[in-house]
């Protein structure tokens, strides 16, 4: 499963409850583009345990979260070279 699929399945309220995080953390997970924050590994594992994902699905989720994180860093890097983060 992908990060987006997990977030769509859980929704903001349930995702933060399962992860035992505040609303602010949850808000960042659901943003798109450079404002999005990728959840920590322990959060991904808590979600996978709650949803009873297989190890294969968890592996797919971890790989996708990493891909999203790298994509965000690349976008921020390109913005930084232009001298504007707006």
C-alpha atoms as a PDB file:
ATOM      1  CA  UNK A   1       0.000   0.000   0.000  1.00  0.00           C
ATOM      2  CA  UNK A   2       1.134   3.541  -0.640  1.00  0.00           C
ATOM      3  CA  UNK A   3       1.329   6.353   1.882  1.00  0.00           C
ATOM      4  CA  UNK A   4      -1.547   8.119   0.117  1.00  0.00           C
ATOM      5  CA  UNK A   5      -3.712   4.983   0.287  1.00  0.00           C
ATOM      6  CA  UNK A   6      -3.066   4.625   4.019  1.00  0.00           C
ATOM      7  CA  UNK A   7      -3.836   8.293   4.664  1.00  0.00           C
ATOM      8  CA  UNK A   8      -7.001   8.085   2.566  1.00  0.00           C
ATOM      9  CA  UNK A   9      -8.071   4.945   4.434  1.00  0.00           C
ATOM     10  CA  UNK A  10      -7.477   6.347   7.925  1.00  0.00           C
ATOM     11  CA  UNK A  11      -8.313  10.020   7.532  1.00  0.00           C
ATOM     12  CA  UNK A  12      -6.719  12.774   9.650  1.00  0.00           C
ATOM     13  CA  UNK A  13      -8.463  12.081  12.948  1.00  0.00           C
ATOM     14  CA  UNK A  14      -7.945   8.318  13.003  1.00  0.00           C
ATOM     15  CA  UNK A  15      -4.361   8.562  11.696  1.00  0.00           C
ATOM     16  CA  UNK A  16      -3.352  10.857  14.559  1.00  0.00           C
ATOM     17  CA  UNK A  17      -5.196   8.785  17.173  1.00  0.00           C
ATOM     18  CA  UNK A  18      -3.475   5.561  16.102  1.00  0.00           C
ATOM     19  CA  UNK A  19      -0.066   7.259  15.989  1.00  0.00           C
ATOM     20  CA  UNK A  20      -0.695   8.995  19.320  1.00  0.00           C
ATOM     21  CA  UNK A  21       0.234  12.323  17.735  1.00  0.00           C
ATOM     22  CA  UNK A  22      -1.305  15.755  17.791  1.00  0.00           C
ATOM     23  CA  UNK A  23      -3.420  17.383  15.136  1.00  0.00           C
ATOM     24  CA  UNK A  24      -0.488  19.456  13.880  1.00  0.00           C
ATOM     25  CA  UNK A  25       1.512  16.367  12.944  1.00  0.00           C
ATOM     26  CA  UNK A  26      -1.539  14.933  11.243  1.00  0.00           C
ATOM     27  CA  UNK A  27      -2.135  18.159   9.338  1.00  0.00           C
ATOM     28  CA  UNK A  28       1.367  17.959   7.852  1.00  0.00           C
ATOM     29  CA  UNK A  29       0.911  14.339   6.742  1.00  0.00           C
ATOM     30  CA  UNK A  30      -2.109  15.284   4.639  1.00  0.00           C
ATOM     31  CA  UNK A  31      -0.528  18.250   2.858  1.00  0.00           C
ATOM     32  CA  UNK A  32       0.794  17.935  -0.671  1.00  0.00           C
ATOM     33  CA  UNK A  33       4.011  19.224  -2.161  1.00  0.00           C
ATOM     34  CA  UNK A  34       6.711  20.893  -0.099  1.00  0.00           C
ATOM     35  CA  UNK A  35       4.432  21.337   2.940  1.00  0.00           C
ATOM     36  CA  UNK A  36       3.910  17.609   3.381  1.00  0.00           C
ATOM     37  CA  UNK A  37       5.823  15.806   6.115  1.00  0.00           C
ATOM     38  CA  UNK A  38       6.359  12.076   5.874  1.00  0.00           C
ATOM     39  CA  UNK A  39       5.501  10.213   9.084  1.00  0.00           C
ATOM     40  CA  UNK A  40       8.255   8.600  11.114  1.00  0.00           C
ATOM     41  CA  UNK A  41       8.905   4.873  10.799  1.00  0.00           C
ATOM     42  CA  UNK A  42       7.194   4.072  14.126  1.00  0.00           C
ATOM     43  CA  UNK A  43       4.052   5.801  12.865  1.00  0.00           C
ATOM     44  CA  UNK A  44       4.037   3.731   9.686  1.00  0.00           C
ATOM     45  CA  UNK A  45       4.400   0.583  11.794  1.00  0.00           C
ATOM     46  CA  UNK A  46       1.550   1.584  14.137  1.00  0.00           C
ATOM     47  CA  UNK A  47      -0.711   2.170  11.149  1.00  0.00           C
ATOM     48  CA  UNK A  48       0.302  -1.144   9.575  1.00  0.00           C
ATOM     49  CA  UNK A  49      -0.364  -2.999  12.835  1.00  0.00           C
ATOM     50  CA  UNK A  50      -3.752  -1.296  13.226  1.00  0.00           C
ATOM     51  CA  UNK A  51      -4.751  -2.135   9.652  1.00  0.00           C
ATOM     52  CA  UNK A  52      -3.275  -5.654   9.962  1.00  0.00           C
ATOM     53  CA  UNK A  53      -1.097  -5.158   6.889  1.00  0.00           C
ATOM     54  CA  UNK A  54       1.106  -7.985   5.732  1.00  0.00           C
ATOM     55  CA  UNK A  55       4.874  -7.605   5.917  1.00  0.00           C
ATOM     56  CA  UNK A  56       4.845  -7.173   2.131  1.00  0.00           C
ATOM     57  CA  UNK A  57       2.345  -4.309   2.397  1.00  0.00           C
ATOM     58  CA  UNK A  58       4.382  -2.705   5.164  1.00  0.00           C
ATOM     59  CA  UNK A  59       7.495  -2.959   2.995  1.00  0.00           C
ATOM     60  CA  UNK A  60       5.648  -1.289   0.138  1.00  0.00           C
ATOM     61  CA  UNK A  61       4.458   1.456   2.502  1.00  0.00           C
ATOM     62  CA  UNK A  62       7.988   2.076   3.798  1.00  0.00           C
ATOM     63  CA  UNK A  63       9.429   2.232   0.272  1.00  0.00           C
ATOM     64  CA  UNK A  64       6.682   4.596  -0.861  1.00  0.00           C
ATOM     65  CA  UNK A  65       7.138   6.853   2.186  1.00  0.00           C
ATOM     66  CA  UNK A  66      10.856   7.027   1.386  1.00  0.00           C
ATOM     67  CA  UNK A  67      10.074   7.897  -2.247  1.00  0.00           C
ATOM     68  CA  UNK A  68       7.737  10.691  -1.103  1.00  0.00           C
ATOM     69  CA  UNK A  69      10.360  12.012   1.350  1.00  0.00           C
ATOM     70  CA  UNK A  70      13.044  12.115  -1.365  1.00  0.00           C
ATOM     71  CA  UNK A  71      10.640  13.854  -3.733  1.00  0.00           C
ATOM     72  CA  UNK A  72       9.914  16.545  -1.150  1.00  0.00           C
ATOM     73  CA  UNK A  73      13.631  17.060  -0.491  1.00  0.00           C
ATOM     74  CA  UNK A  74      14.287  17.397  -4.224  1.00  0.00           C
ATOM     75  CA  UNK A  75      11.532  20.013  -4.562  1.00  0.00           C
ATOM     76  CA  UNK A  76      12.912  21.969  -1.607  1.00  0.00           C
ATOM     77  CA  UNK A  77      16.438  21.736  -2.996  1.00  0.00           C
ATOM     78  CA  UNK A  78      15.333  23.164  -6.353  1.00  0.00           C
ATOM     79  CA  UNK A  79      13.491  25.981  -4.616  1.00  0.00           C
ATOM     80  CA  UNK A  80      16.592  26.725  -2.537  1.00  0.00           C
ATOM     81  CA  UNK A  81      18.774  27.121  -5.619  1.00  0.00           C
ATOM     82  CA  UNK A  82      16.373  29.726  -6.965  1.00  0.00           C
ATOM     83  CA  UNK A  83      16.683  31.746  -3.765  1.00  0.00           C
ATOM     84  CA  UNK A  84      12.992  31.572  -2.886  1.00  0.00           C
ATOM     85  CA  UNK A  85      11.078  29.235  -0.633  1.00  0.00           C
ATOM     86  CA  UNK A  86       7.686  30.869  -1.195  1.00  0.00           C
END
